[in-house]
Amino acid sequence: MSPEYDIAFHTQLLRSSGNEMFGALADVVAVVLRGRTRLGLMPHQPVPEALRLHERVADAVARGLPDPAEAAMRDLLAEVRDAMLPLWRR
């Protein structure tokens, strides 16, 4: 599965954050997501929990709710961390 929609999502978030440093991370995030895909570290089908968390982030941002947006993004990053832990422990 192509990471391009995930990259577009995170790029939009980072660049529209109003924080120049976050905006500058968009290219780094894109490289990481493409690398994970190339190395077979991304699931072939999106994990339902990850999709739900992306939706929570988008909903909170669209509604202008920074605290819920931050909480949802922290949960999303924790989901990614938990998915990657078994690979790091090899």
Protein backbone atom coordinates (compact mmCIF):
# COMPACT_ATOMS: atom_id res chain seq x y z
CA MET A 1 0.00 0.00 0.00
CA SER A 2 1.29 3.46 -0.89
CA PRO A 3 2.04 5.81 2.01
CA GLU A 4 1.09 8.89 0.00
CA TYR A 5 -2.27 9.55 1.72
CA ASP A 6 -0.62 9.23 5.13
CA ILE A 7 2.16 11.55 4.00
CA ALA A 8 -0.35 14.09 2.69
CA PHE A 9 -2.27 13.96 5.99
CA HIS A 10 0.79 14.56 8.15
CA THR A 11 2.25 17.14 5.77
CA GLN A 12 -0.99 19.14 5.90
CA LEU A 13 -1.05 18.98 9.70
CA LEU A 14 2.57 19.98 10.11
CA ARG A 15 2.56 22.79 7.55
CA SER A 16 -0.73 24.28 8.72
CA SER A 17 0.25 24.19 12.41
CA GLY A 18 1.56 27.73 12.33
CA ASN A 19 4.81 26.44 13.81
CA GLU A 20 7.74 26.84 11.41
CA MET A 21 9.70 24.03 13.06
CA PHE A 22 6.79 21.59 12.73
CA GLY A 23 6.32 22.62 9.10
CA ALA A 24 9.97 21.86 8.43
CA LEU A 25 9.46 18.30 9.68
CA ALA A 26 7.06 17.44 6.84
CA ASP A 27 9.81 16.23 4.52
CA VAL A 28 11.42 14.16 7.29
CA VAL A 29 8.09 12.51 8.11
CA ALA A 30 7.58 11.73 4.41
CA VAL A 31 11.01 10.06 4.20
CA VAL A 32 10.28 7.99 7.32
CA LEU A 33 6.87 6.85 6.06
CA ARG A 34 8.23 5.95 2.62
CA GLY A 35 11.16 4.14 4.23
CA ARG A 36 8.88 2.13 6.52
CA THR A 37 6.87 1.11 3.47
CA ARG A 38 9.95 0.20 1.42
CA LEU A 39 11.33 -1.88 4.28
CA GLY A 40 8.06 -3.73 4.79
CA LEU A 41 7.42 -2.12 8.19
CA MET A 42 3.94 -0.86 7.31
CA PRO A 43 0.90 -3.13 7.37
CA HIS A 44 -0.45 -4.12 3.95
CA GLN A 45 -3.88 -2.85 5.02
CA PRO A 46 -4.41 0.08 7.37
CA VAL A 47 -4.88 -0.94 11.00
CA PRO A 48 -8.43 0.06 12.04
CA GLU A 49 -7.18 1.61 15.29
CA ALA A 50 -4.67 3.76 13.39
CA LEU A 51 -7.40 4.95 11.01
CA ARG A 52 -9.64 5.79 13.96
CA LEU A 53 -6.84 7.79 15.58
CA HIS A 54 -6.15 9.70 12.34
CA GLU A 55 -9.86 10.55 12.23
CA ARG A 56 -9.76 11.77 15.85
CA VAL A 57 -6.83 14.05 15.04
CA ALA A 58 -8.49 15.43 11.91
CA ASP A 59 -11.81 15.96 13.68
CA ALA A 60 -10.24 17.83 16.59
CA VAL A 61 -8.16 20.03 14.26
CA ALA A 62 -11.18 20.77 12.04
CA ARG A 63 -13.19 21.76 15.11
CA GLY A 64 -10.38 23.98 16.43
CA LEU A 65 -9.83 21.92 19.58
CA PRO A 66 -6.09 21.92 20.28
CA ASP A 67 -6.10 19.83 23.47
CA PRO A 68 -8.12 16.94 21.99
CA ALA A 69 -6.00 17.18 18.80
CA GLU A 70 -2.82 16.86 20.84
CA ALA A 71 -4.23 13.96 22.85
CA ALA A 72 -5.30 12.16 19.67
CA MET A 73 -1.88 12.69 18.08
CA ARG A 74 -0.15 11.38 21.19
CA ASP A 75 -2.39 8.30 21.05
CA LEU A 76 -1.58 7.87 17.35
CA LEU A 77 2.15 8.08 18.00
CA ALA A 78 1.79 5.58 20.86
CA GLU A 79 0.01 3.19 18.47
CA VAL A 80 2.90 3.49 16.01
CA ARG A 81 5.43 2.97 18.81
CA ASP A 82 3.60 -0.11 20.05
CA ALA A 83 3.46 -1.55 16.52
CA MET A 84 7.20 -0.96 16.05
CA LEU A 85 8.43 -2.23 19.46
CA PRO A 86 8.55 -5.92 18.45
CA LEU A 87 10.68 -5.01 15.44
CA TRP A 88 13.13 -2.99 17.53
CA ARG A 89 13.54 -5.86 20.01
CA ARG A 90 14.73 -8.37 17.42
